[in-house]
Amino acid sequence: MSGPTPRRLQRYVRRRLRLRAYLQSPGDGRQRPQIGAPILLWALLIGLILREWSFHALEALVRSPARQGLGVGRRFSEDTLAYFTERLDPEPMRAALAATVRRAKRNKAFDGTPWIGLALDGTAAGRCREAHCALCQPIRDEQGRVHGHFHRLCLVSVVGTGLVLPVDLEPYPPGESEYGAGQRVLQRAVSAVGRRFAQYVVVDGEFATAPFLHLAGELGLRVVARLKGNLPELSAAAQARFPTQPPTATFEDGRDRVEVWDAADFDPWETLRWATVRVLRSRQHKPDGTVVEAYWLTDWPMRQVGSRALYGMAKSRWEIENQGFNDAKTRYGLEHLSHHHANSLLVRWLLVLFALTIERLYRLRYLHRGWHHPHTAIELVRLLRLSLCPPRPPDTS
């Protein structure tokens, strides 16, 4: 077969992405392992790329005739995977994921855009009836009664480049907030990929606070943040000024007509160490007559970033929703609890990010070289699955 196969994908990961050293030594914490960590780690990665979410499904796959085509050298059970992920150090995986994203930039994967952004957002995953680990958070109704548990985490992803690649995530236990976890994961991500990797961070209104804006500035990032009611004075000033003025610019965004109002002379609030605040108001007119309005604040100077470019940065926040959380949950089983143990959950969530990054770089950059038509995600999965079918002997009857 001349098309993509799991073995060819494995060679790509080892050689092109230069992850051979990590795959050989991923931080295995088992004392006397019977099955090597490289076998189990690759099995977990290729299983996620093939959309086999559960450990039970992966066990069935490696015990079938398809194992030889997967590049997995041994059979194993789902208990082996549970024991392995409980004791696998997540920090080498975080470092390998960041190194892969840095290599993508060096290989000009993001050269089609003048600015690289980082999006920061949170989500919930892995709902269960009873609490089984330190990360389980209760789901309470209005009366305070508990109706199950779930897990919450913050994700940092590359956005605004046409190629959305996750960089890192941070789960947080009960008693902590998305705001605190978001600051930790952003600091760790910038430290891993380098201060000059990205130029801005785009966030929701929850992060539009002076401490976070100052932190982003210290990390060398401009901020594009949603302006909501948590900043009442600035929000009221923008809502009072813009409706009485004509739009700064009007343009087409796909099938939508967009009007934007842009001003950079708003006063900062008391604790913010900015000279002025720039506010962008957008009204997106959809073909069915729906109008979507939003306000954003930023410290980008107008001489560096125009209104239309700033609108594009603001809209890039939805990439982490659509191509980050949505793809991770529907295609890679981010919500599936393969083994309910705190370290196992963290390792598997990081594996989901790793598998998503490898799949996108392989499909959209490596296989798309020259005049090759880019495969869709499901087309690649089908090609990989078809390559696992053992050749049938010729019919000599």
Protein backbone atom coordinates (compact mmCIF):
# COMPACT_ATOMS: atom_id res chain seq x y z
CA MET A 1 0.00 0.00 0.00
CA SER A 2 1.45 3.36 -1.05
CA GLY A 3 -0.71 5.59 1.16
CA PRO A 4 -0.42 6.45 4.86
CA THR A 5 -0.08 3.55 7.29
CA PRO A 6 0.51 3.41 11.06
CA ARG A 7 4.09 2.26 10.46
CA ARG A 8 4.78 5.16 8.11
CA LEU A 9 3.22 7.51 10.65
CA GLN A 10 5.50 6.01 13.30
CA ARG A 11 8.56 6.72 11.14
CA TYR A 12 7.33 10.26 10.61
CA VAL A 13 6.98 10.81 14.37
CA ARG A 14 10.41 9.36 15.12
CA ARG A 15 12.37 10.99 12.30
CA ARG A 16 10.60 14.10 11.03
CA LEU A 17 9.28 15.24 14.40
CA ARG A 18 12.45 13.95 16.09
CA LEU A 19 10.59 12.28 18.92
CA ARG A 20 12.60 9.04 18.92
CA ALA A 21 14.35 9.88 22.20
CA TYR A 22 11.07 10.67 23.95
CA LEU A 23 9.33 7.55 22.64
CA GLN A 24 12.24 5.45 23.89
CA SER A 25 12.33 7.07 27.33
CA PRO A 26 9.00 8.73 28.21
CA GLY A 27 9.43 8.79 31.98
CA ASP A 28 8.18 5.33 32.91
CA GLY A 29 7.81 5.02 36.69
CA ARG A 30 7.21 1.26 36.88
CA GLN A 31 9.72 -0.69 38.96
CA ARG A 32 10.08 -3.95 36.99
CA PRO A 33 8.14 -3.59 33.73
CA GLN A 34 7.49 -6.69 31.66
CA ILE A 35 6.43 -4.72 28.57
CA GLY A 36 8.56 -1.78 27.47
CA ALA A 37 7.30 1.78 27.75
CA PRO A 38 7.93 2.52 24.02
CA ILE A 39 5.47 -0.21 23.03
CA LEU A 40 2.72 0.99 25.36
CA LEU A 41 3.22 4.69 24.60
CA TRP A 42 3.04 4.20 20.84
CA ALA A 43 0.02 1.90 21.24
CA LEU A 44 -1.79 4.64 23.19
CA LEU A 45 -0.93 7.28 20.59
CA ILE A 46 -1.87 5.27 17.51
CA GLY A 47 -5.00 4.06 19.27
CA LEU A 48 -6.16 7.63 19.82
CA ILE A 49 -5.35 8.58 16.22
CA LEU A 50 -7.44 5.58 15.10
CA ARG A 51 -10.17 6.81 17.49
CA GLU A 52 -10.00 3.79 19.79
CA TRP A 53 -10.64 5.63 23.04
CA SER A 54 -10.90 2.90 25.65
CA PHE A 55 -8.16 0.66 27.01
CA HIS A 56 -10.44 -2.32 26.38
CA ALA A 57 -10.74 -1.45 22.67
CA LEU A 58 -6.97 -1.02 22.40
CA GLU A 59 -6.41 -4.41 24.04
CA ALA A 60 -8.70 -6.00 21.45
CA LEU A 61 -6.80 -4.25 18.66
CA VAL A 62 -3.34 -5.43 19.73
CA ARG A 63 -4.64 -8.98 20.23
CA SER A 64 -5.96 -9.06 16.66
CA PRO A 65 -4.10 -9.68 13.36
CA ALA A 66 -3.95 -5.86 12.98
CA ARG A 67 -1.20 -5.60 15.62
CA GLN A 68 1.62 -6.14 13.14
CA GLY A 69 0.45 -3.22 11.01
CA LEU A 70 0.21 -0.95 14.06
CA GLY A 71 3.91 -1.12 14.79
CA VAL A 72 3.22 -2.56 18.27
CA GLY A 73 5.60 -5.35 19.18
CA ARG A 74 3.73 -7.09 22.01
CA ARG A 75 0.26 -8.00 23.14
CA PHE A 76 -0.93 -6.60 26.45
CA SER A 77 -4.07 -6.16 28.54
CA GLU A 78 -6.01 -3.08 29.55
CA ASP A 79 -4.71 -3.57 33.12
CA THR A 80 -1.19 -3.07 31.77
CA LEU A 81 -2.23 0.29 30.31
CA ALA A 82 -3.87 1.34 33.57
CA TYR A 83 -0.74 0.45 35.56
CA PHE A 84 1.48 2.19 32.99
CA THR A 85 -0.46 5.47 32.90
CA GLU A 86 -0.71 5.62 36.69
CA ARG A 87 3.08 5.72 36.89
CA LEU A 88 4.03 7.64 33.73
CA ASP A 89 5.60 11.05 34.42
CA PRO A 90 3.57 13.71 32.54
CA GLU A 91 6.37 16.31 32.47
CA PRO A 92 8.48 14.66 29.72
CA MET A 93 5.30 14.45 27.63
CA ARG A 94 4.62 18.15 28.16
CA ALA A 95 8.19 18.93 27.08
CA ALA A 96 7.90 16.70 23.99
CA LEU A 97 4.59 18.29 23.00
CA ALA A 98 6.04 21.79 23.31
CA ALA A 99 9.12 20.73 21.33
CA THR A 100 6.86 19.41 18.56
CA VAL A 101 5.00 22.73 18.36
CA ARG A 102 8.30 24.64 18.29
CA ARG A 103 9.58 22.40 15.50
CA ALA A 104 6.39 23.06 13.54
CA LYS A 105 7.19 26.78 13.67
CA ARG A 106 10.80 26.20 12.61
CA ASN A 107 9.51 24.11 9.70
CA LYS A 108 7.42 27.13 8.58
CA ALA A 109 4.04 25.60 9.46
CA PHE A 110 2.79 29.03 10.56
CA ASP A 111 4.39 31.20 7.87
CA GLY A 112 1.05 32.11 6.31
CA THR A 113 0.20 34.58 9.09
CA PRO A 114 2.05 37.62 10.48
CA TRP A 115 0.98 36.96 14.09
CA ILE A 116 0.82 33.75 16.09
CA GLY A 117 -1.70 33.67 18.91
CA LEU A 118 -2.29 31.58 22.00
CA ALA A 119 -5.86 30.95 23.15
CA LEU A 120 -6.61 30.12 26.77
CA ASP A 121 -9.90 28.57 27.84
CA GLY A 122 -11.40 25.97 30.17
CA THR A 123 -13.78 23.05 29.83
CA ALA A 124 -15.27 20.12 31.71
CA ALA A 125 -14.61 16.46 30.91
CA GLY A 126 -15.08 12.98 32.31
CA ARG A 127 -18.41 12.91 34.09
CA CYS A 128 -18.99 10.16 36.67
CA ARG A 129 -21.47 9.26 39.42
CA GLU A 130 -19.07 8.97 42.35
CA ALA A 131 -15.83 10.76 43.22
CA HIS A 132 -12.83 8.51 42.56
CA CYS A 133 -9.85 10.89 42.41
CA ALA A 134 -8.61 14.21 43.76
CA LEU A 135 -9.68 15.99 40.54
CA CYS A 136 -13.37 15.08 40.81
CA GLN A 137 -15.60 18.13 41.24
CA PRO A 138 -19.22 17.82 42.40
CA ILE A 139 -22.10 18.89 40.15
CA ARG A 140 -24.62 20.69 42.35
CA ASP A 141 -28.13 21.88 41.60
CA GLU A 142 -29.70 25.09 42.91
CA GLN A 143 -30.49 23.41 46.23
CA GLY A 144 -26.89 22.28 46.69
CA ARG A 145 -27.58 18.60 46.05
CA VAL A 146 -24.84 16.65 44.28
CA HIS A 147 -25.77 15.00 40.97
CA GLY A 148 -22.51 13.36 39.92
CA HIS A 149 -18.98 14.62 39.42
CA PHE A 150 -16.83 15.89 36.58
CA HIS A 151 -13.31 17.19 35.95
CA ARG A 152 -12.27 20.67 34.88
CA LEU A 153 -9.16 21.72 33.00
CA CYS A 154 -7.60 24.71 31.18
CA LEU A 155 -6.06 24.40 27.72
CA VAL A 156 -3.56 26.57 25.84
CA SER A 157 -3.57 26.24 22.06
CA VAL A 158 -1.93 27.91 19.07
CA VAL A 159 -4.58 29.88 17.11
CA GLY A 160 -4.81 32.44 14.34
CA THR A 161 -2.46 30.56 12.00
CA GLY A 162 -4.77 28.22 10.08
CA LEU A 163 -3.28 25.27 11.99
CA VAL A 164 -4.61 24.87 15.53
CA LEU A 165 -2.15 22.94 17.72
CA PRO A 166 -2.63 22.42 21.48
CA VAL A 167 0.36 23.25 23.64
CA ASP A 168 -0.49 22.27 27.23
CA LEU A 169 -3.32 21.77 29.71
CA GLU A 170 -3.80 22.10 33.45
CA PRO A 171 -6.50 20.25 35.42
CA TYR A 172 -7.54 21.75 38.71
CA PRO A 173 -9.23 20.19 41.78
CA PRO A 174 -12.22 21.43 43.78
CA GLY A 175 -11.54 24.72 45.52
CA GLU A 176 -9.40 26.08 42.72
CA SER A 177 -10.59 28.20 39.79
CA GLU A 178 -10.16 28.33 36.04
CA TYR A 179 -8.60 31.75 36.52
CA GLY A 180 -5.76 30.42 38.69
CA ALA A 181 -5.19 27.30 36.59
CA GLY A 182 -5.18 29.42 33.44
CA GLN A 183 -2.38 31.62 34.74
CA ARG A 184 -0.27 28.58 35.67
CA VAL A 185 -0.68 26.83 32.33
CA LEU A 186 -0.02 30.02 30.35
CA GLN A 187 3.22 30.65 32.23
CA ARG A 188 4.33 27.04 31.73
CA ALA A 189 3.40 27.06 28.04
CA VAL A 190 5.28 30.29 27.28
CA SER A 191 8.30 29.00 29.18
CA ALA A 192 8.20 25.77 27.13
CA VAL A 193 7.78 27.24 23.64
CA GLY A 194 9.75 30.45 24.25
CA ARG A 195 8.80 34.09 24.77
CA ARG A 196 9.22 34.90 21.07
CA PHE A 197 7.01 32.06 19.82
CA ALA A 198 3.67 33.93 19.93
CA GLN A 199 2.70 37.60 19.89
CA TYR A 200 -0.67 37.65 21.63
CA VAL A 201 -3.04 35.72 23.88
CA VAL A 202 -6.82 35.77 23.39
CA VAL A 203 -9.09 35.06 26.37
CA ASP A 204 -12.66 35.29 27.61
CA GLY A 205 -13.92 38.05 29.89
CA GLU A 206 -13.09 36.09 33.06
CA PHE A 207 -9.40 36.79 32.43
CA ALA A 208 -9.90 40.52 31.76
CA THR A 209 -8.42 41.51 35.11
CA ALA A 210 -5.43 43.68 35.90
CA PRO A 211 -3.28 40.86 37.40
CA PHE A 212 -3.76 38.64 34.33
CA LEU A 213 -3.18 41.49 31.86
CA HIS A 214 0.01 42.42 33.70
CA LEU A 215 1.13 38.76 33.72
CA ALA A 216 0.62 38.50 29.96
CA GLY A 217 2.69 41.64 29.46
CA GLU A 218 5.49 40.21 31.60
CA LEU A 219 5.42 37.10 29.38
CA GLY A 220 5.87 39.26 26.28
CA LEU A 221 2.30 38.86 25.02
CA ARG A 222 -0.28 41.37 23.89
CA VAL A 223 -3.80 40.64 25.13
CA VAL A 224 -7.11 40.44 23.30
CA ALA A 225 -9.82 39.91 25.95
CA ARG A 226 -13.59 39.86 25.80
CA LEU A 227 -15.13 42.93 27.45
CA LYS A 228 -18.15 42.03 29.55
CA GLY A 229 -20.00 43.24 32.61
CA ASN A 230 -17.16 42.39 34.99
CA LEU A 231 -15.67 45.76 33.95
CA PRO A 232 -18.80 47.92 34.29
CA GLU A 233 -17.22 51.36 33.87
CA LEU A 234 -15.24 50.52 30.73
CA SER A 235 -18.15 48.54 29.29
CA ALA A 236 -20.59 51.41 29.92
CA ALA A 237 -18.21 53.95 28.35
CA ALA A 238 -17.83 51.84 25.20
CA GLN A 239 -21.58 51.20 24.91
CA ALA A 240 -22.28 54.91 25.30
CA ARG A 241 -19.77 56.04 22.67
CA PHE A 242 -19.87 53.58 19.78
CA PRO A 243 -23.62 53.50 18.95
CA THR A 244 -23.54 57.25 18.24
CA GLN A 245 -20.66 56.95 15.73
CA PRO A 246 -20.39 55.45 12.24
CA PRO A 247 -18.38 52.20 12.04
CA THR A 248 -14.62 52.46 11.66
CA ALA A 249 -14.64 49.75 8.97
CA THR A 250 -17.06 47.44 7.18
CA PHE A 251 -15.97 44.22 5.45
CA GLU A 252 -17.07 40.71 4.51
CA ASP A 253 -16.16 37.68 6.60
CA GLY A 254 -17.25 34.67 4.56
CA ARG A 255 -20.99 35.11 4.06
CA ASP A 256 -21.27 37.58 6.94
CA ARG A 257 -21.09 41.36 6.81
CA VAL A 258 -19.07 42.80 9.69
CA GLU A 259 -19.06 46.33 11.10
CA VAL A 260 -16.39 47.34 13.61
CA TRP A 261 -15.91 50.38 15.84
CA ASP A 262 -12.41 50.94 17.15
CA ALA A 263 -10.99 53.47 19.63
CA ALA A 264 -7.76 53.46 21.62
CA ASP A 265 -8.32 56.31 24.09
CA PHE A 266 -10.43 54.73 26.84
CA ASP A 267 -9.29 55.29 30.41
CA PRO A 268 -7.91 52.25 32.28
CA TRP A 269 -9.49 51.22 35.54
CA GLU A 270 -7.74 52.00 38.80
CA THR A 271 -5.55 48.88 39.16
CA LEU A 272 -4.54 48.55 35.49
CA ARG A 273 -1.05 49.83 34.65
CA TRP A 274 -1.86 50.76 31.04
CA ALA A 275 -1.76 54.32 29.74
CA THR A 276 -4.97 53.79 27.72
CA VAL A 277 -7.24 50.91 26.73
CA ARG A 278 -8.19 50.11 23.16
CA VAL A 279 -11.74 48.79 22.69
CA LEU A 280 -13.16 47.10 19.61
CA ARG A 281 -16.88 46.68 19.03
CA SER A 282 -18.03 44.26 16.29
CA ARG A 283 -21.46 43.61 14.80
CA GLN A 284 -21.61 40.49 12.67
CA HIS A 285 -24.63 40.36 10.33
CA LYS A 286 -25.42 36.78 9.29
CA PRO A 287 -27.38 35.78 6.14
CA ASP A 288 -30.45 34.78 8.18
CA GLY A 289 -30.67 38.28 9.70
CA THR A 290 -29.07 37.40 13.05
CA VAL A 291 -26.73 40.03 14.48
CA VAL A 292 -23.90 39.00 16.83
CA GLU A 293 -22.37 41.85 18.83
CA ALA A 294 -19.22 41.69 20.95
CA TYR A 295 -16.80 44.05 22.69
CA TRP A 296 -13.08 43.38 23.11
CA LEU A 297 -10.26 45.19 24.91
CA THR A 298 -6.59 45.07 24.00
CA ASP A 299 -3.22 46.75 24.39
CA TRP A 300 -2.31 46.39 20.70
CA PRO A 301 -1.39 49.84 19.27
CA MET A 302 -3.38 50.87 16.22
CA ARG A 303 -0.20 51.55 14.27
CA GLN A 304 0.75 47.86 14.54
CA VAL A 305 -2.62 46.11 14.19
CA GLY A 306 -5.57 47.51 12.25
CA SER A 307 -9.24 47.03 13.08
CA ARG A 308 -9.80 44.13 10.70
CA ALA A 309 -6.69 42.27 11.91
CA LEU A 310 -7.73 42.83 15.53
CA TYR A 311 -11.19 41.44 14.73
CA GLY A 312 -9.51 38.33 13.30
CA MET A 313 -7.48 37.91 16.49
CA ALA A 314 -10.62 38.21 18.59
CA LYS A 315 -12.46 35.64 16.48
CA SER A 316 -9.52 33.23 16.73
CA ARG A 317 -10.66 32.48 20.29
CA TRP A 318 -13.36 30.26 18.82
CA GLU A 319 -10.68 28.04 17.26
CA ILE A 320 -9.88 26.59 20.68
CA GLU A 321 -13.58 25.75 21.06
CA ASN A 322 -14.19 24.28 17.61
CA GLN A 323 -10.83 22.71 16.76
CA GLY A 324 -9.61 22.22 20.31
CA PHE A 325 -12.28 21.07 22.75
CA ASN A 326 -14.84 19.96 20.16
CA ASP A 327 -12.40 17.80 18.18
CA ALA A 328 -10.74 16.45 21.33
CA LYS A 329 -14.10 15.36 22.74
CA THR A 330 -15.86 14.04 19.63
CA ARG A 331 -12.87 12.50 17.81
CA TYR A 332 -10.33 11.66 20.50
CA GLY A 333 -12.46 10.83 23.52
CA LEU A 334 -11.32 13.59 25.87
CA GLU A 335 -14.42 12.97 27.99
CA HIS A 336 -13.94 9.21 28.16
CA LEU A 337 -12.62 7.85 31.48
CA SER A 338 -10.31 5.00 30.45
CA HIS A 339 -8.94 4.62 33.98
CA HIS A 340 -10.13 6.80 36.85
CA HIS A 341 -6.87 7.77 38.54
CA ALA A 342 -5.60 11.35 38.80
CA ASN A 343 -2.23 10.78 37.10
CA SER A 344 -3.74 8.41 34.55
CA LEU A 345 -6.34 11.04 33.63
CA LEU A 346 -3.70 13.76 33.21
CA VAL A 347 -1.49 11.48 31.10
CA ARG A 348 -4.37 10.49 28.88
CA TRP A 349 -5.52 14.10 28.40
CA LEU A 350 -1.97 15.03 27.38
CA LEU A 351 -1.92 12.03 25.04
CA VAL A 352 -5.08 13.36 23.40
CA LEU A 353 -3.31 16.68 22.75
CA PHE A 354 -0.25 14.84 21.46
CA ALA A 355 -2.29 12.62 19.13
CA LEU A 356 -4.23 15.61 17.81
CA THR A 357 -1.01 17.54 17.13
CA ILE A 358 0.69 14.59 15.40
CA GLU A 359 -2.36 13.87 13.26
CA ARG A 360 -2.71 17.47 12.08
CA LEU A 361 0.96 17.95 11.27
CA TYR A 362 1.08 14.62 9.42
CA ARG A 363 -2.15 15.17 7.50
CA LEU A 364 -2.05 18.90 6.77
CA ARG A 365 1.69 19.50 6.42
CA TYR A 366 3.52 16.25 5.60
CA LEU A 367 0.95 14.50 3.38
CA HIS A 368 -0.10 17.83 1.83
CA ARG A 369 3.34 18.50 0.30
CA GLY A 370 3.48 19.64 -3.31
CA TRP A 371 0.23 19.21 -5.20
CA HIS A 372 -1.20 16.52 -2.94
CA HIS A 373 -4.79 17.16 -1.92
CA PRO A 374 -5.14 17.45 1.88
CA HIS A 375 -7.01 14.55 3.45
CA THR A 376 -9.86 15.27 5.81
CA ALA A 377 -9.51 13.86 9.31
CA ILE A 378 -11.94 11.01 8.68
CA GLU A 379 -10.28 10.16 5.34
CA LEU A 380 -6.94 9.70 7.10
CA VAL A 381 -8.53 7.47 9.75
CA ARG A 382 -10.11 5.32 7.04
CA LEU A 383 -6.83 4.98 5.16
CA LEU A 384 -5.00 3.99 8.34
CA ARG A 385 -7.67 1.43 9.23
CA LEU A 386 -7.71 -0.06 5.72
CA SER A 387 -3.94 -0.52 5.85
CA LEU A 388 -4.38 -2.79 8.89
CA CYS A 389 -6.28 -5.40 6.87
CA PRO A 390 -3.93 -8.37 6.31
CA PRO A 391 -3.46 -9.29 2.63
CA ARG A 392 -5.70 -12.10 1.53
CA PRO A 393 -4.03 -15.10 -0.14
CA PRO A 394 -4.75 -15.41 -3.85
CA ASP A 395 -7.63 -17.64 -4.82
CA THR A 396 -6.04 -20.57 -6.68
CA SER A 397 -9.19 -22.63 -6.95
